[in-house]
Amino acid sequence: MTTISGPVVPLHHYKRTKIIATVGPSTDTYEAIEKLIMAGVNGLRLNFSHGTLEERLRQITWIRKAAAKAGKPVAIIQDLQGPKIRLGEFEGIINVQKGRTMSFAFKADYEQTGQIPLQYDLSKKVKRGERLWLYDGKVKTTVTTVKDGVVYVQAENDGVLIARKGINLPDTDFEGDIITNKDRKDIVFGSEQDIDYVALSFVQSAEDIIQLKRLLKNVGSSAKIIAKIETKAAINNMESIISVADAIMIARGDLAVETPFESVPIEQRRLISLGLRYAKPTIVATQMLASMNEVMEPTRAEVSDIATAVLLGADSLMLSDETASGLYPIQAVKVMKKVILYTEKNMPLKAKDEYMVNTSMQGAISSSVIRLAKGVQAKAIVAETKSGATALNIASLRPDIPLIAVTNDQRTAQQLSIVYGAKSYVRPADKMAAVKLTDWLRENKILSRGDIVVSASGRHPGVVGTTDTIKVRMLE
């Protein structure tokens, strides 16, 4: 087990809301990944829609090396491609006129048949009357007929089609068929590597998450599952999905196509609220700093978007193209961190009573820890945790007192790195783990003599679900 010494940073300098960055061509070097982590990144997303497994393996190695050098745990997120619901290959562009009938078929030859090629056989899924939106929603059509493997649609507006552009199907039920053969191979690869989270694309129901859990268990993976909320079906089933997933990602790009774009801010608020209620981390993603793909300064609207997500209580904010292919990946992280810190300092998040519905013993202990810490004016809350559940429960109540997690499990420390407010340290299982850690924090001037800390621990260190003790300690 690698022991993380932890960065020697004053508690009041910690940001509560975490940052996730996507690795891509702009950051595909060890030096770039090290700079991302040093700039404030807590999790790194590897997009398995692109690149090779050899490239992913190299990036995983770089991430762990850079995290160890920085002295902090960093989560690695494996983002599965899911079904490639995209147009296939054809030359040039296809002009679309309103009222025109078009036909689509899996791997069709457009030049020979006039049928527009697809990378996925939609004829097995779509039905007459369902909406089929092309080029990320720019061209809207309705299915009129499905016959002999060919999908016929009628266009509702003028536009153009370009090869390999995305398709959205807000009315189509994929009947649990969203984990592809490629995904299964990637899951096996991830189980053999140091992956902390697996993000599932195009989730429609809780059963999709349960299916992925079975697959991860079968390959011996301890990775947690992030449900990407990006379909109309996922919005309709959001509470049941959140109840079985380990975390959720609000993927606002596709979500704004599958659902009315004006509804996305409200759905984002609802999803974050449910995450707080179920003590499940929430990630806000897509176009948070899109302008910084090309320029060094964010727009005022982007700054407001980041601040709003912080004020709503999101656990993490994610950068996609900004760090994968943008011109200023490190600057984008620095801007995001600056906005997060300013927002948290000037308007601290206050959890509402409506979130505090967890009546389990862990939920009751978490609430008691926070009330006691406030009462004694503690400088920090220390949670001893094996699985991370204790820290998750405390974090979900959004205490304004710094939360420090101590665990003997490296994977748990890495998974907690994208959880709101949690600063994790790895130490051997020990009945005195919290005491020894706070002594270390005092020696490194993170805490001071006379500071009060409140800890939550169990009688059986290193055993999941045994947190049953609260202690108050004044450092000497």
Protein backbone atom coordinates (compact mmCIF):
# COMPACT_ATOMS: atom_id res chain seq x y z
CA MET A 1 0.00 0.00 0.00
CA THR A 2 1.32 3.41 -0.98
CA THR A 3 0.98 5.93 1.80
CA ILE A 4 -0.04 9.37 0.67
CA SER A 5 1.72 11.96 2.78
CA GLY A 6 -0.67 14.65 1.63
CA PRO A 7 0.04 18.20 0.51
CA VAL A 8 1.00 20.60 3.28
CA VAL A 9 -1.68 23.22 2.55
CA PRO A 10 -3.57 25.29 5.15
CA LEU A 11 -7.14 24.08 5.65
CA HIS A 12 -8.66 27.39 4.60
CA HIS A 13 -6.92 27.10 1.20
CA TYR A 14 -8.71 23.86 0.33
CA LYS A 15 -11.40 24.12 -2.31
CA ARG A 16 -14.52 22.12 -1.46
CA THR A 17 -15.86 21.67 -4.99
CA LYS A 18 -13.54 19.41 -6.98
CA ILE A 19 -12.28 19.62 -10.56
CA ILE A 20 -12.20 16.82 -13.13
CA ALA A 21 -10.26 17.26 -16.38
CA THR A 22 -10.35 15.20 -19.57
CA VAL A 23 -7.08 13.92 -21.01
CA GLY A 24 -6.73 14.34 -24.77
CA PRO A 25 -4.33 15.51 -27.48
CA SER A 26 -3.68 18.81 -25.65
CA THR A 27 -2.65 17.02 -22.46
CA ASP A 28 -1.21 13.74 -23.72
CA THR A 29 2.18 14.06 -22.00
CA TYR A 30 3.40 13.38 -18.50
CA GLU A 31 4.36 17.03 -18.10
CA ALA A 32 0.86 18.22 -19.03
CA ILE A 33 -0.84 15.78 -16.64
CA GLU A 34 1.50 16.85 -13.84
CA LYS A 35 0.61 20.50 -14.51
CA LEU A 36 -3.12 19.68 -14.47
CA ILE A 37 -2.82 18.03 -11.07
CA MET A 38 -0.66 20.81 -9.64
CA ALA A 39 -3.14 23.40 -10.98
CA GLY A 40 -5.94 21.83 -8.92
CA VAL A 41 -7.34 18.80 -10.76
CA ASN A 42 -8.73 16.06 -8.49
CA GLY A 43 -9.90 13.57 -11.10
CA LEU A 44 -8.90 12.75 -14.67
CA ARG A 45 -11.31 11.41 -17.27
CA LEU A 46 -10.13 9.04 -19.97
CA ASN A 47 -12.55 9.04 -22.90
CA PHE A 48 -12.67 5.50 -24.30
CA SER A 49 -14.46 6.75 -27.42
CA HIS A 50 -11.04 7.73 -28.73
CA GLY A 51 -7.50 6.37 -28.76
CA THR A 52 -6.03 2.95 -28.08
CA LEU A 53 -5.64 0.84 -24.95
CA GLU A 54 -1.90 1.36 -25.19
CA GLU A 55 -2.44 5.12 -24.97
CA ARG A 56 -4.78 4.67 -21.97
CA LEU A 57 -2.23 2.48 -20.18
CA ARG A 58 0.45 5.10 -20.70
CA GLN A 59 -1.83 7.84 -19.38
CA ILE A 60 -2.80 5.83 -16.29
CA THR A 61 0.89 5.38 -15.49
CA TRP A 62 1.51 9.10 -15.90
CA ILE A 63 -1.45 10.02 -13.69
CA ARG A 64 -0.34 7.81 -10.82
CA LYS A 65 3.24 9.05 -11.05
CA ALA A 66 2.14 12.71 -11.08
CA ALA A 67 -0.35 12.17 -8.23
CA ALA A 68 2.34 10.55 -6.10
CA LYS A 69 4.68 13.45 -6.80
CA ALA A 70 1.95 15.95 -5.83
CA GLY A 71 1.24 13.93 -2.69
CA LYS A 72 -2.51 13.68 -3.22
CA PRO A 73 -4.99 11.04 -4.38
CA VAL A 74 -6.42 11.56 -7.87
CA ALA A 75 -9.39 9.66 -9.30
CA ILE A 76 -9.16 8.05 -12.74
CA ILE A 77 -12.49 7.88 -14.58
CA GLN A 78 -12.98 5.43 -17.43
CA ASP A 79 -15.70 6.93 -19.64
CA LEU A 80 -17.18 4.13 -21.76
CA GLN A 81 -18.11 4.89 -25.34
CA GLY A 82 -21.49 3.16 -25.29
CA PRO A 83 -23.41 2.54 -28.53
CA LYS A 84 -21.95 4.64 -31.37
CA ILE A 85 -25.21 6.27 -32.41
CA ARG A 86 -23.64 8.28 -35.20
CA LEU A 87 -23.80 8.68 -38.94
CA GLY A 88 -21.35 6.54 -40.89
CA GLU A 89 -18.87 7.48 -43.59
CA PHE A 90 -19.81 9.32 -46.78
CA GLU A 91 -18.19 11.94 -48.97
CA GLY A 92 -18.94 15.64 -48.70
CA ILE A 93 -22.19 16.89 -47.18
CA ILE A 94 -25.82 15.89 -47.66
CA ASN A 95 -28.30 18.76 -48.02
CA VAL A 96 -31.62 18.32 -46.24
CA GLN A 97 -34.87 20.09 -47.12
CA LYS A 98 -37.93 20.29 -44.90
CA GLY A 99 -40.46 17.60 -45.82
CA ARG A 100 -37.89 15.40 -47.55
CA THR A 101 -37.95 11.64 -46.96
CA MET A 102 -34.56 10.10 -46.16
CA SER A 103 -33.48 6.51 -45.52
CA PHE A 104 -30.81 5.18 -43.18
CA ALA A 105 -29.21 1.75 -42.86
CA PHE A 106 -26.41 0.17 -40.87
CA LYS A 107 -23.09 0.50 -42.77
CA ALA A 108 -24.91 1.42 -46.01
CA ASP A 109 -23.07 2.61 -49.13
CA TYR A 110 -24.59 6.01 -49.83
CA GLU A 111 -23.18 6.28 -53.34
CA GLN A 112 -24.68 2.97 -54.45
CA THR A 113 -27.97 2.81 -52.51
CA GLY A 114 -28.84 6.39 -51.57
CA GLN A 115 -29.24 5.17 -48.00
CA ILE A 116 -27.35 7.22 -45.42
CA PRO A 117 -24.98 4.99 -43.43
CA LEU A 118 -25.24 4.48 -39.66
CA GLN A 119 -22.65 3.16 -37.21
CA TYR A 120 -25.43 1.43 -35.21
CA ASP A 121 -28.35 -0.67 -36.46
CA LEU A 122 -31.22 1.57 -35.43
CA SER A 123 -33.74 -0.54 -37.36
CA LYS A 124 -33.80 -2.92 -34.37
CA LYS A 125 -34.66 -0.15 -31.91
CA VAL A 126 -36.66 2.72 -33.43
CA LYS A 127 -40.40 2.72 -34.12
CA ARG A 128 -42.71 4.74 -36.31
CA GLY A 129 -43.51 8.15 -34.86
CA GLU A 130 -40.31 8.42 -32.80
CA ARG A 131 -38.06 11.43 -33.15
CA LEU A 132 -34.62 11.01 -34.74
CA TRP A 133 -32.43 14.07 -34.45
CA LEU A 134 -29.27 14.38 -36.52
CA TYR A 135 -26.04 16.36 -36.29
CA ASP A 136 -26.43 16.87 -32.54
CA GLY A 137 -30.02 18.08 -32.95
CA LYS A 138 -29.48 20.50 -35.84
CA VAL A 139 -31.62 18.43 -38.23
CA LYS A 140 -34.89 17.14 -36.76
CA THR A 141 -36.74 14.22 -38.32
CA THR A 142 -39.52 11.78 -37.44
CA VAL A 143 -39.47 8.05 -38.22
CA THR A 144 -42.18 7.16 -40.78
CA THR A 145 -41.34 3.52 -41.57
CA VAL A 146 -38.93 0.77 -40.53
CA LYS A 147 -38.63 -2.03 -43.10
CA ASP A 148 -35.99 -4.64 -44.01
CA GLY A 149 -33.28 -3.01 -41.90
CA VAL A 150 -33.92 0.46 -43.34
CA VAL A 151 -35.19 3.42 -41.29
CA TYR A 152 -37.23 6.00 -43.23
CA VAL A 153 -37.70 9.50 -41.80
CA GLN A 154 -39.23 12.81 -42.79
CA ALA A 155 -37.23 15.99 -42.26
CA GLU A 156 -38.81 18.79 -40.22
CA ASN A 157 -36.33 21.52 -41.14
CA ASP A 158 -33.63 22.44 -43.62
CA GLY A 159 -30.02 21.64 -42.84
CA VAL A 160 -26.96 19.61 -43.76
CA LEU A 161 -25.55 16.25 -42.70
CA ILE A 162 -21.85 15.54 -42.23
CA ALA A 163 -20.23 12.11 -41.78
CA ARG A 164 -19.79 10.73 -38.26
CA LYS A 165 -22.01 13.33 -36.58
CA GLY A 166 -24.10 12.29 -33.58
CA ILE A 167 -27.73 11.17 -33.49
CA ASN A 168 -30.18 11.69 -30.64
CA LEU A 169 -33.27 9.53 -30.05
CA PRO A 170 -35.31 11.08 -27.23
CA ASP A 171 -38.24 8.64 -27.65
CA THR A 172 -36.38 5.38 -28.25
CA ASP A 173 -36.10 2.64 -25.62
CA PHE A 174 -32.81 0.74 -25.99
CA GLU A 175 -34.17 -1.98 -23.68
CA GLY A 176 -30.98 -2.20 -21.62
CA ASP A 177 -28.84 -2.73 -24.72
CA ILE A 178 -26.37 0.10 -24.09
CA ILE A 179 -23.20 -1.82 -23.14
CA THR A 180 -21.45 -2.79 -26.38
CA ASN A 181 -18.85 -5.46 -27.08
CA LYS A 182 -16.22 -2.72 -27.16
CA ASP A 183 -17.39 -1.52 -23.75
CA ARG A 184 -17.10 -5.06 -22.37
CA LYS A 185 -13.52 -5.31 -23.59
CA ASP A 186 -12.74 -1.90 -22.13
CA ILE A 187 -14.30 -2.96 -18.80
CA VAL A 188 -11.98 -5.96 -18.67
CA PHE A 189 -9.03 -3.68 -19.46
CA GLY A 190 -10.10 -1.25 -16.73
CA SER A 191 -10.40 -4.07 -14.19
CA GLU A 192 -6.76 -4.94 -14.84
CA GLN A 193 -5.63 -1.32 -14.43
CA ASP A 194 -5.84 1.31 -11.72
CA ILE A 195 -9.34 2.62 -12.55
CA ASP A 196 -11.47 4.23 -9.83
CA TYR A 197 -14.73 5.00 -11.64
CA VAL A 198 -16.50 3.68 -14.73
CA ALA A 199 -18.84 6.19 -16.39
CA LEU A 200 -21.74 4.61 -18.29
CA SER A 201 -23.04 6.49 -21.33
CA PHE A 202 -26.68 6.70 -22.50
CA VAL A 203 -28.13 5.41 -19.23
CA GLN A 204 -31.91 5.03 -19.47
CA SER A 205 -32.89 3.11 -16.34
CA ALA A 206 -31.61 1.71 -13.05
CA GLU A 207 -31.35 -1.70 -14.71
CA ASP A 208 -28.51 -0.36 -16.91
CA ILE A 209 -26.51 0.39 -13.75
CA ILE A 210 -27.35 -2.98 -12.20
CA GLN A 211 -26.15 -4.72 -15.37
CA LEU A 212 -22.83 -2.85 -15.24
CA LYS A 213 -22.46 -3.72 -11.55
CA ARG A 214 -22.77 -7.40 -12.45
CA LEU A 215 -20.14 -7.04 -15.17
CA LEU A 216 -17.71 -5.26 -12.84
CA LYS A 217 -18.23 -7.89 -10.15
CA ASN A 218 -17.61 -10.69 -12.66
CA VAL A 219 -14.23 -9.24 -13.64
CA GLY A 220 -13.24 -8.48 -10.04
CA SER A 221 -13.31 -4.70 -10.39
CA SER A 222 -13.70 -2.44 -7.34
CA ALA A 223 -14.43 0.61 -9.50
CA LYS A 224 -17.52 2.65 -8.69
CA ILE A 225 -20.14 3.56 -11.30
CA ILE A 226 -20.95 7.03 -12.59
CA ALA A 227 -24.32 7.22 -14.36
CA LYS A 228 -24.21 9.78 -17.15
CA ILE A 229 -27.53 11.60 -17.26
CA GLU A 230 -27.85 12.58 -20.91
CA THR A 231 -31.14 11.07 -22.16
CA LYS A 232 -34.80 11.90 -21.74
CA ALA A 233 -35.35 8.43 -20.24
CA ALA A 234 -32.66 9.09 -17.62
CA ILE A 235 -34.41 12.31 -16.60
CA ASN A 236 -37.70 10.44 -16.24
CA ASN A 237 -35.99 7.76 -14.12
CA MET A 238 -33.45 9.96 -12.33
CA GLU A 239 -34.30 9.01 -8.74
CA SER A 240 -34.20 5.25 -9.31
CA ILE A 241 -30.92 5.65 -11.24
CA ILE A 242 -29.32 7.74 -8.47
CA SER A 243 -30.43 5.22 -5.84
CA VAL A 244 -28.35 2.42 -7.43
CA ALA A 245 -25.44 4.36 -9.01
CA ASP A 246 -22.38 5.44 -7.02
CA ALA A 247 -22.28 8.90 -8.62
CA ILE A 248 -23.94 10.83 -11.45
CA MET A 249 -22.65 13.04 -14.23
CA ILE A 250 -24.97 15.72 -15.60
CA ALA A 251 -23.86 15.56 -19.25
CA ARG A 252 -25.48 18.79 -20.39
CA GLY A 253 -24.46 18.58 -24.06
CA ASP A 254 -26.61 15.63 -25.13
CA LEU A 255 -29.12 16.40 -22.38
CA ALA A 256 -29.86 19.79 -24.01
CA VAL A 257 -30.66 17.96 -27.27
CA GLU A 258 -32.69 15.09 -25.79
CA THR A 259 -34.72 17.44 -23.58
CA PRO A 260 -35.75 21.09 -24.09
CA PHE A 261 -32.61 23.18 -23.65
CA GLU A 262 -34.44 25.58 -21.35
CA SER A 263 -35.11 22.69 -18.94
CA VAL A 264 -31.45 21.80 -18.39
CA PRO A 265 -30.74 24.31 -15.56
CA ILE A 266 -33.78 23.06 -13.64
CA GLU A 267 -32.88 19.41 -14.21
CA GLN A 268 -29.33 20.18 -13.06
CA ARG A 269 -30.72 21.61 -9.82
CA ARG A 270 -33.00 18.59 -9.30
CA LEU A 271 -30.17 16.13 -9.93
CA ILE A 272 -27.78 17.86 -7.53
CA SER A 273 -30.51 17.93 -4.86
CA LEU A 274 -31.10 14.19 -5.29
CA GLY A 275 -27.35 13.58 -5.08
CA LEU A 276 -27.31 15.36 -1.73
CA ARG A 277 -30.33 13.41 -0.52
CA TYR A 278 -28.83 10.03 -1.44
CA ALA A 279 -25.23 10.98 -0.50
CA LYS A 280 -24.10 10.35 -4.09
CA PRO A 281 -21.47 12.62 -5.70
CA THR A 282 -22.68 14.78 -8.58
CA ILE A 283 -20.57 15.99 -11.50
CA VAL A 284 -21.60 18.93 -13.69
CA ALA A 285 -20.14 18.58 -17.19
CA THR A 286 -20.00 20.08 -20.69
CA GLN A 287 -19.08 23.54 -21.94
CA MET A 288 -18.26 25.03 -18.56
CA LEU A 289 -15.40 26.98 -20.14
CA ALA A 290 -16.02 26.29 -23.83
CA SER A 291 -14.69 29.66 -24.97
CA MET A 292 -11.31 28.75 -23.47
CA ASN A 293 -10.87 26.15 -26.20
CA GLU A 294 -9.60 29.09 -28.23
CA VAL A 295 -9.04 32.10 -25.95
CA MET A 296 -7.36 32.58 -22.57
CA GLU A 297 -10.23 34.42 -20.87
CA PRO A 298 -13.63 32.93 -19.94
CA THR A 299 -16.89 34.64 -20.78
CA ARG A 300 -18.84 36.21 -17.94
CA ALA A 301 -21.62 33.69 -18.54
CA GLU A 302 -19.15 30.81 -18.05
CA VAL A 303 -17.92 32.28 -14.77
CA SER A 304 -21.54 32.54 -13.64
CA ASP A 305 -22.20 28.94 -14.73
CA ILE A 306 -19.33 27.66 -12.59
CA ALA A 307 -20.40 29.73 -9.59
CA THR A 308 -24.00 28.54 -9.93
CA ALA A 309 -22.95 24.88 -9.91
CA VAL A 310 -20.87 25.54 -6.78
CA LEU A 311 -23.77 27.29 -5.05
CA LEU A 312 -26.15 24.43 -5.93
CA GLY A 313 -23.83 21.98 -4.17
CA ALA A 314 -22.21 19.98 -6.98
CA ASP A 315 -19.35 17.74 -5.84
CA SER A 316 -17.24 18.18 -8.98
CA LEU A 317 -17.13 20.29 -12.13
CA MET A 318 -15.73 18.73 -15.28
CA LEU A 319 -13.72 20.13 -18.17
CA SER A 320 -14.04 18.22 -21.46
CA ASP A 321 -12.77 19.75 -24.71
CA GLU A 322 -11.16 22.54 -22.68
CA THR A 323 -8.40 20.21 -21.45
CA ALA A 324 -8.66 17.46 -24.08
CA SER A 325 -8.21 19.54 -27.22
CA GLY A 326 -8.31 23.20 -26.18
CA LEU A 327 -5.45 25.62 -26.60
CA TYR A 328 -5.25 26.57 -22.90
CA PRO A 329 -5.85 23.44 -20.79
CA ILE A 330 -3.85 24.47 -17.71
CA GLN A 331 -5.23 27.99 -17.74
CA ALA A 332 -8.78 26.59 -17.91
CA VAL A 333 -8.16 24.60 -14.71
CA LYS A 334 -6.69 27.65 -12.99
CA VAL A 335 -9.69 29.78 -13.98
CA MET A 336 -12.13 27.15 -12.70
CA LYS A 337 -10.28 26.84 -9.39
CA LYS A 338 -10.19 30.62 -8.98
CA VAL A 339 -13.96 30.92 -9.48
CA ILE A 340 -14.65 27.98 -7.14
CA LEU A 341 -12.52 29.41 -4.33
CA TYR A 342 -13.98 32.90 -4.63
CA THR A 343 -17.55 31.56 -4.64
CA GLU A 344 -16.97 29.28 -1.65
CA LYS A 345 -15.25 32.02 0.34
CA ASN A 346 -17.89 34.67 -0.28
CA MET A 347 -21.05 32.58 -0.14
CA PRO A 348 -20.52 29.28 1.71
CA LEU A 349 -22.93 26.52 0.79
CA LYS A 350 -25.60 25.80 3.40
CA ALA A 351 -27.25 22.38 3.22
CA LYS A 352 -31.01 22.44 3.58
CA ASP A 353 -32.98 20.31 6.03
CA GLU A 354 -34.76 18.61 3.12
CA TYR A 355 -31.53 16.79 2.26
CA MET A 356 -31.18 15.31 5.73
CA VAL A 357 -33.43 12.31 5.25
CA ASN A 358 -30.89 9.54 5.89
CA THR A 359 -32.19 7.76 8.99
CA SER A 360 -29.52 5.03 9.01
CA MET A 361 -27.01 4.81 11.83
CA GLN A 362 -24.33 6.28 9.55
CA GLY A 363 -26.67 9.14 8.62
CA ALA A 364 -27.44 9.86 12.27
CA ILE A 365 -23.74 9.73 13.19
CA SER A 366 -22.88 12.09 10.32
CA SER A 367 -25.47 14.64 11.42
CA SER A 368 -24.29 14.38 15.03
CA VAL A 369 -20.65 14.83 14.04
CA ILE A 370 -21.43 18.08 12.23
CA ARG A 371 -23.60 19.49 15.02
CA LEU A 372 -20.97 18.63 17.62
CA ALA A 373 -18.15 20.08 15.49
CA LYS A 374 -20.08 23.35 15.16
CA GLY A 375 -20.84 23.40 18.88
CA VAL A 376 -17.20 23.07 19.93
CA GLN A 377 -15.94 25.28 17.05
CA ALA A 378 -13.79 22.47 15.66
CA LYS A 379 -11.15 23.27 13.06
CA ALA A 380 -11.73 19.97 11.24
CA ILE A 381 -13.83 16.82 11.09
CA VAL A 382 -11.83 13.60 10.71
CA ALA A 383 -13.64 10.55 9.32
CA GLU A 384 -12.02 7.13 9.60
CA THR A 385 -13.42 5.13 6.70
CA LYS A 386 -12.78 1.86 4.91
CA SER A 387 -15.25 2.10 2.03
CA GLY A 388 -15.68 5.87 2.03
CA ALA A 389 -19.33 5.71 3.16
CA THR A 390 -18.77 7.68 6.38
CA ALA A 391 -17.01 10.50 4.52
CA LEU A 392 -19.71 10.47 1.81
CA ASN A 393 -22.49 10.79 4.37
CA ILE A 394 -20.78 13.66 6.16
CA ALA A 395 -19.93 15.40 2.88
CA SER A 396 -23.54 15.12 1.67
CA LEU A 397 -24.58 17.40 4.54
CA ARG A 398 -22.13 20.01 3.21
CA PRO A 399 -20.46 21.03 6.50
CA ASP A 400 -18.65 24.36 6.47
CA ILE A 401 -15.91 22.74 8.56
CA PRO A 402 -13.06 21.05 6.61
CA LEU A 403 -13.58 17.29 6.21
CA ILE A 404 -10.53 15.02 6.40
CA ALA A 405 -10.87 11.34 5.53
CA VAL A 406 -8.35 8.77 6.70
CA THR A 407 -8.46 5.29 5.17
CA ASN A 408 -6.24 2.25 4.79
CA ASP A 409 -7.54 1.71 1.26
CA GLN A 410 -5.78 3.50 -1.60
CA ARG A 411 -8.77 3.00 -3.91
CA THR A 412 -11.11 4.63 -1.39
CA ALA A 413 -8.82 7.65 -1.07
CA GLN A 414 -8.78 8.04 -4.85
CA GLN A 415 -12.55 7.66 -5.14
CA LEU A 416 -13.12 10.25 -2.42
CA SER A 417 -10.96 12.76 -4.29
CA ILE A 418 -13.96 13.93 -6.38
CA VAL A 419 -16.31 14.17 -3.37
CA TYR A 420 -17.23 17.61 -2.06
CA GLY A 421 -14.94 18.85 0.68
CA ALA A 422 -13.18 15.54 1.35
CA LYS A 423 -9.39 15.63 1.71
CA SER A 424 -8.11 12.05 1.92
CA TYR A 425 -5.05 10.49 3.52
CA VAL A 426 -3.97 6.84 3.42
CA ARG A 427 -2.79 5.32 6.70
CA PRO A 428 -2.60 1.74 8.03
CA ALA A 429 -5.71 0.42 9.79
CA ASP A 430 -5.27 1.42 13.43
CA LYS A 431 -7.51 2.33 16.36
CA MET A 432 -5.41 5.47 16.66
CA ALA A 433 -5.49 6.36 12.94
CA ALA A 434 -7.34 9.66 13.45
CA VAL A 435 -5.08 10.64 16.37
CA LYS A 436 -1.92 9.84 14.44
CA LEU A 437 -3.14 11.74 11.39
CA THR A 438 -4.08 14.85 13.36
CA ASP A 439 -0.69 14.72 15.05
CA TRP A 440 0.91 14.67 11.58
CA LEU A 441 -1.29 17.59 10.49
CA ARG A 442 -0.21 19.55 13.57
CA GLU A 443 3.47 18.76 13.02
CA ASN A 444 3.15 20.04 9.45
CA LYS A 445 1.38 23.21 10.66
CA ILE A 446 -1.89 22.34 8.89
CA LEU A 447 -3.44 22.22 12.37
CA SER A 448 -2.15 24.05 15.45
CA ARG A 449 -1.75 23.41 19.16
CA GLY A 450 -5.08 24.12 20.86
CA ASP A 451 -7.18 23.33 17.76
CA ILE A 452 -10.21 21.12 18.34
CA VAL A 453 -11.03 18.24 15.99
CA VAL A 454 -14.04 15.94 15.99
CA SER A 455 -13.55 12.41 14.68
CA ALA A 456 -15.89 9.61 13.61
CA SER A 457 -14.45 6.10 13.87
CA GLY A 458 -15.29 2.47 14.66
CA ARG A 459 -14.21 -0.18 17.11
CA HIS A 460 -12.95 -2.34 14.26
CA PRO A 461 -10.50 -0.35 12.10
CA GLY A 462 -10.47 -1.29 8.42
CA VAL A 463 -13.89 -2.99 8.55
CA VAL A 464 -16.69 -1.61 6.37
CA GLY A 465 -19.80 -0.26 8.12
CA THR A 466 -18.54 -0.17 11.72
CA THR A 467 -18.45 3.59 12.35
CA ASP A 468 -20.08 4.01 15.76
CA THR A 469 -17.93 6.41 17.79
CA ILE A 470 -17.55 10.18 17.93
CA LYS A 471 -14.63 11.79 19.73
CA VAL A 472 -13.60 15.37 20.51
CA ARG A 473 -9.91 16.15 20.85
CA MET A 474 -7.94 19.30 21.59
CA LEU A 475 -4.47 19.16 20.07
CA GLU A 476 -1.60 19.55 22.51
